[in-house]
């Protein structure tokens, strides 16, 4: 009865008029406050098309919603949101970051390897959750102990002693080492202080170094996060995948020559 009589009657009462519509954008690598500044006027409460955000461990989902006649304007507002976000939006929809990175790597025929310390394989696990990951992911190394950074990834002992495990130089060496040992086209590395202990004045809890390595070399990137151990490890794993995504898309510069 619903399909035969009720729904057709409702369609006749509002032919061709969308009554509700929601479009999404997925972002990473940008503070929520910065994103809110860019979209401030679009997020005003008095607008018919509403724009809102939700964030989970560094992944920001922007929702553009309209009901009734306002549904007609959702597409235009969504396009404006994407324009303002630029490369910080990795997908024009609700898409896992790992899935987007996988698509990019497959499109370009690139392989991937990961070296992780503080995240202990969490980035690799997120990537491997995506169907088809085996087409590009060659493998990875979890190297918590400095001795394993040296023996498995080739990080020089002198470098570890001079710079410390949580440093840009060590992150870069980890990424270069895993790439060399696996033969991957692209490699990522992460080392940091996830807490609750282990921090210092120079390297407080939340200090995380990343590196992305390809044929042009290895580029270190520093990020500082605030939160508990679970949060820091979660956002660090997403950040590593996002830096790799940006490098593939050309939004992250290569290492200086």
C-alpha atoms as a PDB file:
ATOM      1  CA  UNK A   1       0.000   0.000   0.000  1.00  0.00           C
ATOM      2  CA  UNK A   2       2.867   2.367   0.864  1.00  0.00           C
ATOM      3  CA  UNK A   3       4.666   1.799  -2.436  1.00  0.00           C
ATOM      4  CA  UNK A   4       1.496   1.589  -4.561  1.00  0.00           C
ATOM      5  CA  UNK A   5      -0.565   4.454  -3.177  1.00  0.00           C
ATOM      6  CA  UNK A   6       1.115   6.589  -0.512  1.00  0.00           C
ATOM      7  CA  UNK A   7       4.482   7.330  -2.109  1.00  0.00           C
ATOM      8  CA  UNK A   8       3.047   8.131  -5.558  1.00  0.00           C
ATOM      9  CA  UNK A   9       0.545  10.483  -3.914  1.00  0.00           C
ATOM     10  CA  UNK A  10       3.357  12.285  -2.069  1.00  0.00           C
ATOM     11  CA  UNK A  11       5.361  12.619  -5.274  1.00  0.00           C
ATOM     12  CA  UNK A  12       2.366  14.146  -7.069  1.00  0.00           C
ATOM     13  CA  UNK A  13       2.052  16.745  -4.318  1.00  0.00           C
ATOM     14  CA  UNK A  14       5.680  17.829  -4.709  1.00  0.00           C
ATOM     15  CA  UNK A  15       6.801  16.873  -8.229  1.00  0.00           C
ATOM     16  CA  UNK A  16      10.526  17.327  -8.768  1.00  0.00           C
ATOM     17  CA  UNK A  17      11.057  19.232  -5.543  1.00  0.00           C
ATOM     18  CA  UNK A  18      13.786  17.852  -3.296  1.00  0.00           C
ATOM     19  CA  UNK A  19      12.609  18.049   0.286  1.00  0.00           C
ATOM     20  CA  UNK A  20      15.922  17.361   2.029  1.00  0.00           C
ATOM     21  CA  UNK A  21      19.526  17.061   0.911  1.00  0.00           C
ATOM     22  CA  UNK A  22      22.903  16.679   2.622  1.00  0.00           C
ATOM     23  CA  UNK A  23      26.334  16.711   1.014  1.00  0.00           C
ATOM     24  CA  UNK A  24      29.665  16.186   2.761  1.00  0.00           C
ATOM     25  CA  UNK A  25      33.345  17.028   2.556  1.00  0.00           C
ATOM     26  CA  UNK A  26      36.152  15.205   4.391  1.00  0.00           C
ATOM     27  CA  UNK A  27      39.248  17.041   5.635  1.00  0.00           C
ATOM     28  CA  UNK A  28      42.467  16.320   7.472  1.00  0.00           C
ATOM     29  CA  UNK A  29      45.594  18.212   8.397  1.00  0.00           C
ATOM     30  CA  UNK A  30      43.898  21.484   9.339  1.00  0.00           C
ATOM     31  CA  UNK A  31      42.821  22.657  12.826  1.00  0.00           C
ATOM     32  CA  UNK A  32      39.056  22.765  13.275  1.00  0.00           C
ATOM     33  CA  UNK A  33      39.321  26.408  14.388  1.00  0.00           C
ATOM     34  CA  UNK A  34      41.063  27.345  11.124  1.00  0.00           C
ATOM     35  CA  UNK A  35      38.432  25.534   9.107  1.00  0.00           C
ATOM     36  CA  UNK A  36      35.675  27.293  11.051  1.00  0.00           C
ATOM     37  CA  UNK A  37      37.275  30.659  10.243  1.00  0.00           C
ATOM     38  CA  UNK A  38      37.255  29.873   6.537  1.00  0.00           C
ATOM     39  CA  UNK A  39      33.591  28.829   6.619  1.00  0.00           C
ATOM     40  CA  UNK A  40      32.372  31.295   9.274  1.00  0.00           C
ATOM     41  CA  UNK A  41      29.773  33.067   7.134  1.00  0.00           C
ATOM     42  CA  UNK A  42      28.489  29.791   5.687  1.00  0.00           C
ATOM     43  CA  UNK A  43      28.062  28.383   9.206  1.00  0.00           C
ATOM     44  CA  UNK A  44      25.911  31.295  10.434  1.00  0.00           C
ATOM     45  CA  UNK A  45      22.830  30.011  12.248  1.00  0.00           C
ATOM     46  CA  UNK A  46      20.397  32.178  10.290  1.00  0.00           C
ATOM     47  CA  UNK A  47      21.241  30.632   6.915  1.00  0.00           C
ATOM     48  CA  UNK A  48      18.688  28.363   5.243  1.00  0.00           C
ATOM     49  CA  UNK A  49      21.410  25.995   4.037  1.00  0.00           C
ATOM     50  CA  UNK A  50      23.197  24.875   7.182  1.00  0.00           C
ATOM     51  CA  UNK A  51      26.889  24.027   7.358  1.00  0.00           C
ATOM     52  CA  UNK A  52      28.298  22.137  10.340  1.00  0.00           C
ATOM     53  CA  UNK A  53      31.381  20.143  11.282  1.00  0.00           C
ATOM     54  CA  UNK A  54      32.248  17.032  13.267  1.00  0.00           C
ATOM     55  CA  UNK A  55      35.796  15.965  14.142  1.00  0.00           C
ATOM     56  CA  UNK A  56      37.300  12.614  15.139  1.00  0.00           C
ATOM     57  CA  UNK A  57      41.055  12.224  15.667  1.00  0.00           C
ATOM     58  CA  UNK A  58      41.953  14.852  13.098  1.00  0.00           C
ATOM     59  CA  UNK A  59      39.349  13.877  10.508  1.00  0.00           C
ATOM     60  CA  UNK A  60      36.869  16.742  10.033  1.00  0.00           C
ATOM     61  CA  UNK A  61      33.581  16.033   8.287  1.00  0.00           C
ATOM     62  CA  UNK A  62      31.748  19.069   6.912  1.00  0.00           C
ATOM     63  CA  UNK A  63      28.014  18.599   6.366  1.00  0.00           C
ATOM     64  CA  UNK A  64      25.986  20.890   4.092  1.00  0.00           C
ATOM     65  CA  UNK A  65      22.259  20.433   4.705  1.00  0.00           C
ATOM     66  CA  UNK A  66      19.075  21.965   3.424  1.00  0.00           C
ATOM     67  CA  UNK A  67      15.406  21.093   3.942  1.00  0.00           C
ATOM     68  CA  UNK A  68      12.377  22.144   1.929  1.00  0.00           C
ATOM     69  CA  UNK A  69      13.127  24.829  -0.658  1.00  0.00           C
ATOM     70  CA  UNK A  70      16.594  25.272   0.872  1.00  0.00           C
ATOM     71  CA  UNK A  71      17.536  21.826  -0.448  1.00  0.00           C
ATOM     72  CA  UNK A  72      17.911  23.400  -3.877  1.00  0.00           C
ATOM     73  CA  UNK A  73      20.834  25.504  -2.681  1.00  0.00           C
ATOM     74  CA  UNK A  74      22.859  22.693  -1.100  1.00  0.00           C
ATOM     75  CA  UNK A  75      24.880  21.939  -4.231  1.00  0.00           C
ATOM     76  CA  UNK A  76      26.065  25.508  -4.672  1.00  0.00           C
ATOM     77  CA  UNK A  77      27.051  25.866  -1.001  1.00  0.00           C
ATOM     78  CA  UNK A  78      28.861  22.509  -1.126  1.00  0.00           C
ATOM     79  CA  UNK A  79      30.898  23.670  -4.115  1.00  0.00           C
ATOM     80  CA  UNK A  80      31.820  26.849  -2.249  1.00  0.00           C
ATOM     81  CA  UNK A  81      32.879  24.828   0.798  1.00  0.00           C
ATOM     82  CA  UNK A  82      35.155  22.699  -1.371  1.00  0.00           C
ATOM     83  CA  UNK A  83      36.601  25.793  -3.045  1.00  0.00           C
ATOM     84  CA  UNK A  84      37.494  27.367   0.299  1.00  0.00           C
ATOM     85  CA  UNK A  85      38.982  24.183   1.726  1.00  0.00           C
ATOM     86  CA  UNK A  86      41.163  23.489  -1.300  1.00  0.00           C
ATOM     87  CA  UNK A  87      43.701  20.692  -0.777  1.00  0.00           C
ATOM     88  CA  UNK A  88      42.722  20.367   2.891  1.00  0.00           C
ATOM     89  CA  UNK A  89      39.571  18.580   1.688  1.00  0.00           C
ATOM     90  CA  UNK A  90      40.684  15.138   0.607  1.00  0.00           C
ATOM     91  CA  UNK A  91      37.230  13.999  -0.571  1.00  0.00           C
ATOM     92  CA  UNK A  92      33.922  15.543  -1.654  1.00  0.00           C
ATOM     93  CA  UNK A  93      31.973  13.115   0.496  1.00  0.00           C
ATOM     94  CA  UNK A  94      32.262  10.928   3.579  1.00  0.00           C
ATOM     95  CA  UNK A  95      35.292   8.862   2.614  1.00  0.00           C
ATOM     96  CA  UNK A  96      37.867   7.229   4.918  1.00  0.00           C
ATOM     97  CA  UNK A  97      41.264   8.871   4.525  1.00  0.00           C
ATOM     98  CA  UNK A  98      42.970   5.524   3.959  1.00  0.00           C
ATOM     99  CA  UNK A  99      40.559   4.750   1.118  1.00  0.00           C
ATOM    100  CA  UNK A 100      41.383   8.030  -0.587  1.00  0.00           C
ATOM    101  CA  UNK A 101      45.120   7.411  -0.257  1.00  0.00           C
ATOM    102  CA  UNK A 102      44.686   3.900  -1.621  1.00  0.00           C
ATOM    103  CA  UNK A 103      42.833   5.203  -4.671  1.00  0.00           C
ATOM    104  CA  UNK A 104      45.548   7.755  -5.363  1.00  0.00           C
ATOM    105  CA  UNK A 105      48.316   5.178  -5.102  1.00  0.00           C
ATOM    106  CA  UNK A 106      46.497   2.703  -7.324  1.00  0.00           C
ATOM    107  CA  UNK A 107      45.775   5.358  -9.950  1.00  0.00           C
ATOM    108  CA  UNK A 108      49.474   6.166 -10.147  1.00  0.00           C
ATOM    109  CA  UNK A 109      50.775   2.612  -9.795  1.00  0.00           C
ATOM    110  CA  UNK A 110      52.713   3.405  -6.611  1.00  0.00           C
ATOM    111  CA  UNK A 111      53.602   1.117  -3.709  1.00  0.00           C
ATOM    112  CA  UNK A 112      53.743   2.058  -0.016  1.00  0.00           C
ATOM    113  CA  UNK A 113      55.678   1.094   3.119  1.00  0.00           C
ATOM    114  CA  UNK A 114      55.433   2.453   6.667  1.00  0.00           C
ATOM    115  CA  UNK A 115      57.763   2.734   9.653  1.00  0.00           C
ATOM    116  CA  UNK A 116      56.058   3.503  12.961  1.00  0.00           C
ATOM    117  CA  UNK A 117      57.210   4.099  16.506  1.00  0.00           C
ATOM    118  CA  UNK A 118      54.658   5.842  18.751  1.00  0.00           C
ATOM    119  CA  UNK A 119      51.678   4.684  16.662  1.00  0.00           C
ATOM    120  CA  UNK A 120      52.889   1.065  16.780  1.00  0.00           C
ATOM    121  CA  UNK A 121      51.361   0.036  13.462  1.00  0.00           C
ATOM    122  CA  UNK A 122      48.088   1.953  13.801  1.00  0.00           C
ATOM    123  CA  UNK A 123      48.568   3.805  10.501  1.00  0.00           C
ATOM    124  CA  UNK A 124      49.293   0.546   8.685  1.00  0.00           C
ATOM    125  CA  UNK A 125      46.262  -1.052  10.326  1.00  0.00           C
ATOM    126  CA  UNK A 126      43.997   1.804   9.206  1.00  0.00           C
ATOM    127  CA  UNK A 127      45.307   1.479   5.664  1.00  0.00           C
ATOM    128  CA  UNK A 128      44.991  -2.313   5.645  1.00  0.00           C
ATOM    129  CA  UNK A 129      41.329  -2.087   6.722  1.00  0.00           C
ATOM    130  CA  UNK A 130      40.555  -0.792   3.234  1.00  0.00           C
ATOM    131  CA  UNK A 131      39.707  -3.507   0.684  1.00  0.00           C
ATOM    132  CA  UNK A 132      42.397  -3.695  -1.970  1.00  0.00           C
ATOM    133  CA  UNK A 133      45.180  -2.429   0.279  1.00  0.00           C
ATOM    134  CA  UNK A 134      47.361  -5.392  -0.649  1.00  0.00           C
ATOM    135  CA  UNK A 135      47.655  -3.977  -4.163  1.00  0.00           C
ATOM    136  CA  UNK A 136      49.930  -1.197  -2.904  1.00  0.00           C
ATOM    137  CA  UNK A 137      50.973  -1.836   0.715  1.00  0.00           C
ATOM    138  CA  UNK A 138      54.238  -3.770   0.768  1.00  0.00           C
ATOM    139  CA  UNK A 139      54.581  -3.822   4.550  1.00  0.00           C
ATOM    140  CA  UNK A 140      55.884  -1.942   7.532  1.00  0.00           C
ATOM    141  CA  UNK A 141      58.015  -1.993  10.648  1.00  0.00           C
ATOM    142  CA  UNK A 142      57.068  -1.141  14.234  1.00  0.00           C
ATOM    143  CA  UNK A 143      60.299   0.072  15.816  1.00  0.00           C
ATOM    144  CA  UNK A 144      59.744   1.271  19.355  1.00  0.00           C
ATOM    145  CA  UNK A 145      63.217   0.554  20.638  1.00  0.00           C
ATOM    146  CA  UNK A 146      66.149   2.562  19.317  1.00  0.00           C
ATOM    147  CA  UNK A 147      68.027  -0.662  18.669  1.00  0.00           C
ATOM    148  CA  UNK A 148      65.360  -1.734  16.190  1.00  0.00           C
ATOM    149  CA  UNK A 149      65.364   1.641  14.496  1.00  0.00           C
ATOM    150  CA  UNK A 150      69.046   1.007  13.916  1.00  0.00           C
ATOM    151  CA  UNK A 151      68.982  -2.677  12.997  1.00  0.00           C
ATOM    152  CA  UNK A 152      65.711  -2.832  11.003  1.00  0.00           C
ATOM    153  CA  UNK A 153      65.571   0.632   9.469  1.00  0.00           C
ATOM    154  CA  UNK A 154      69.228   1.595   9.254  1.00  0.00           C
ATOM    155  CA  UNK A 155      68.977   4.699  11.429  1.00  0.00           C
ATOM    156  CA  UNK A 156      72.576   5.536  12.428  1.00  0.00           C
ATOM    157  CA  UNK A 157      73.337   5.040  16.113  1.00  0.00           C
ATOM    158  CA  UNK A 158      75.190   8.333  16.217  1.00  0.00           C
ATOM    159  CA  UNK A 159      72.115  10.126  14.895  1.00  0.00           C
ATOM    160  CA  UNK A 160      69.886   8.570  17.537  1.00  0.00           C
ATOM    161  CA  UNK A 161      72.315   9.604  20.282  1.00  0.00           C
ATOM    162  CA  UNK A 162      72.745  13.132  18.972  1.00  0.00           C
ATOM    163  CA  UNK A 163      69.151  14.001  18.012  1.00  0.00           C
ATOM    164  CA  UNK A 164      67.088  11.568  20.058  1.00  0.00           C
ATOM    165  CA  UNK A 165      64.466   9.175  18.706  1.00  0.00           C
ATOM    166  CA  UNK A 166      61.813  11.928  18.539  1.00  0.00           C
ATOM    167  CA  UNK A 167      63.404  14.215  15.961  1.00  0.00           C
ATOM    168  CA  UNK A 168      63.036  15.207  12.367  1.00  0.00           C
ATOM    169  CA  UNK A 169      66.348  13.662  11.396  1.00  0.00           C
ATOM    170  CA  UNK A 170      65.394  10.274  12.841  1.00  0.00           C
ATOM    171  CA  UNK A 171      61.922  10.368  11.265  1.00  0.00           C
ATOM    172  CA  UNK A 172      63.501  11.118   7.892  1.00  0.00           C
ATOM    173  CA  UNK A 173      66.001   8.277   8.325  1.00  0.00           C
ATOM    174  CA  UNK A 174      63.199   5.883   9.310  1.00  0.00           C
ATOM    175  CA  UNK A 175      61.185   6.730   6.186  1.00  0.00           C
ATOM    176  CA  UNK A 176      64.244   6.454   3.934  1.00  0.00           C
ATOM    177  CA  UNK A 177      65.213   3.183   5.596  1.00  0.00           C
ATOM    178  CA  UNK A 178      61.851   1.447   5.172  1.00  0.00           C
ATOM    179  CA  UNK A 179      61.653   2.615   1.573  1.00  0.00           C
ATOM    180  CA  UNK A 180      65.108   1.273   0.778  1.00  0.00           C
ATOM    181  CA  UNK A 181      64.481  -2.067   2.475  1.00  0.00           C
ATOM    182  CA  UNK A 182      61.091  -2.725   0.889  1.00  0.00           C
ATOM    183  CA  UNK A 183      61.644  -1.134  -2.506  1.00  0.00           C
ATOM    184  CA  UNK A 184      58.454   0.919  -2.106  1.00  0.00           C
ATOM    185  CA  UNK A 185      57.855   3.983  -4.234  1.00  0.00           C
ATOM    186  CA  UNK A 186      56.550   5.944  -1.262  1.00  0.00           C
ATOM    187  CA  UNK A 187      57.232   5.585   2.460  1.00  0.00           C
ATOM    188  CA  UNK A 188      56.061   7.229   5.636  1.00  0.00           C
ATOM    189  CA  UNK A 189      57.422   7.294   9.171  1.00  0.00           C
ATOM    190  CA  UNK A 190      56.274   8.570  12.565  1.00  0.00           C
ATOM    191  CA  UNK A 191      58.019   8.939  15.925  1.00  0.00           C
ATOM    192  CA  UNK A 192      56.764  10.925  18.886  1.00  0.00           C
ATOM    193  CA  UNK A 193      55.897  11.312  22.557  1.00  0.00           C
ATOM    194  CA  UNK A 194      52.379   9.946  23.097  1.00  0.00           C
ATOM    195  CA  UNK A 195      52.463  10.231  26.888  1.00  0.00           C
ATOM    196  CA  UNK A 196      51.436  10.307  29.567  1.00  0.00           C
ATOM    197  CA  UNK A 197      55.131  10.177  30.532  1.00  0.00           C
ATOM    198  CA  UNK A 198      58.304  10.592  28.516  1.00  0.00           C
ATOM    199  CA  UNK A 199      57.965  14.273  27.727  1.00  0.00           C
ATOM    200  CA  UNK A 200      60.435  17.059  28.434  1.00  0.00           C
ATOM    201  CA  UNK A 201      60.550  20.840  28.191  1.00  0.00           C
ATOM    202  CA  UNK A 202      62.129  20.559  24.754  1.00  0.00           C
ATOM    203  CA  UNK A 203      59.914  17.692  23.600  1.00  0.00           C
ATOM    204  CA  UNK A 204      56.648  17.775  25.555  1.00  0.00           C
ATOM    205  CA  UNK A 205      53.958  15.125  25.322  1.00  0.00           C
ATOM    206  CA  UNK A 206      52.242  15.491  21.955  1.00  0.00           C
ATOM    207  CA  UNK A 207      55.435  16.225  20.025  1.00  0.00           C
ATOM    208  CA  UNK A 208      55.350  14.044  16.909  1.00  0.00           C
ATOM    209  CA  UNK A 209      57.718  13.978  13.962  1.00  0.00           C
ATOM    210  CA  UNK A 210      56.651  12.551  10.602  1.00  0.00           C
ATOM    211  CA  UNK A 211      58.522  11.952   7.381  1.00  0.00           C
ATOM    212  CA  UNK A 212      57.560  11.147   3.816  1.00  0.00           C
ATOM    213  CA  UNK A 213      60.156   9.592   1.533  1.00  0.00           C
ATOM    214  CA  UNK A 214      60.162   9.040  -2.205  1.00  0.00           C
ATOM    215  CA  UNK A 215      62.771   8.987  -4.953  1.00  0.00           C
ATOM    216  CA  UNK A 216      63.513  12.681  -4.323  1.00  0.00           C
ATOM    217  CA  UNK A 217      64.484  12.121  -0.672  1.00  0.00           C
ATOM    218  CA  UNK A 218      62.906  12.209   2.777  1.00  0.00           C
ATOM    219  CA  UNK A 219      61.038  15.222   4.178  1.00  0.00           C
ATOM    220  CA  UNK A 220      60.442  15.589   7.967  1.00  0.00           C
ATOM    221  CA  UNK A 221      57.343  17.382   9.298  1.00  0.00           C
ATOM    222  CA  UNK A 222      56.670  18.410  12.918  1.00  0.00           C
ATOM    223  CA  UNK A 223      53.246  18.437  14.558  1.00  0.00           C
ATOM    224  CA  UNK A 224      52.230  19.073  18.169  1.00  0.00           C
ATOM    225  CA  UNK A 225      49.013  17.620  19.543  1.00  0.00           C
ATOM    226  CA  UNK A 226      47.145  18.059  22.818  1.00  0.00           C
ATOM    227  CA  UNK A 227      45.253  15.150  24.347  1.00  0.00           C
ATOM    228  CA  UNK A 228      45.651  11.798  26.014  1.00  0.00           C
ATOM    229  CA  UNK A 229      47.715   8.898  24.726  1.00  0.00           C
ATOM    230  CA  UNK A 230      44.871   7.325  22.749  1.00  0.00           C
ATOM    231  CA  UNK A 231      44.016  10.584  21.040  1.00  0.00           C
ATOM    232  CA  UNK A 232      47.621  11.444  20.180  1.00  0.00           C
ATOM    233  CA  UNK A 233      48.242   8.034  18.649  1.00  0.00           C
ATOM    234  CA  UNK A 234      44.976   8.220  16.713  1.00  0.00           C
ATOM    235  CA  UNK A 235      45.509  11.682  15.274  1.00  0.00           C
ATOM    236  CA  UNK A 236      49.161  10.892  14.530  1.00  0.00           C
ATOM    237  CA  UNK A 237      48.172   7.855  12.453  1.00  0.00           C
ATOM    238  CA  UNK A 238      45.698   9.930  10.447  1.00  0.00           C
ATOM    239  CA  UNK A 239      48.237  12.725  10.035  1.00  0.00           C
ATOM    240  CA  UNK A 240      50.798  10.335   8.584  1.00  0.00           C
ATOM    241  CA  UNK A 241      48.290   9.059   6.010  1.00  0.00           C
ATOM    242  CA  UNK A 242      47.295  12.628   5.179  1.00  0.00           C
ATOM    243  CA  UNK A 243      50.887  13.734   4.630  1.00  0.00           C
ATOM    244  CA  UNK A 244      51.334  10.800   2.266  1.00  0.00           C
ATOM    245  CA  UNK A 245      48.124  11.804   0.483  1.00  0.00           C
ATOM    246  CA  UNK A 246      49.333  15.379   0.109  1.00  0.00           C
ATOM    247  CA  UNK A 247      52.709  14.238  -1.240  1.00  0.00           C
ATOM    248  CA  UNK A 248      51.028  12.110  -3.907  1.00  0.00           C
ATOM    249  CA  UNK A 249      48.722  14.998  -4.860  1.00  0.00           C
ATOM    250  CA  UNK A 250      51.628  17.445  -5.005  1.00  0.00           C
ATOM    251  CA  UNK A 251      50.345  19.511  -2.083  1.00  0.00           C
ATOM    252  CA  UNK A 252      53.336  18.659   0.121  1.00  0.00           C
ATOM    253  CA  UNK A 253      56.687  19.877  -1.156  1.00  0.00           C
ATOM    254  CA  UNK A 254      59.520  17.464  -1.631  1.00  0.00           C
ATOM    255  CA  UNK A 255      62.720  17.602   0.410  1.00  0.00           C
ATOM    256  CA  UNK A 256      65.094  20.518  -0.275  1.00  0.00           C
ATOM    257  CA  UNK A 257      67.794  19.758  -2.761  1.00  0.00           C
END
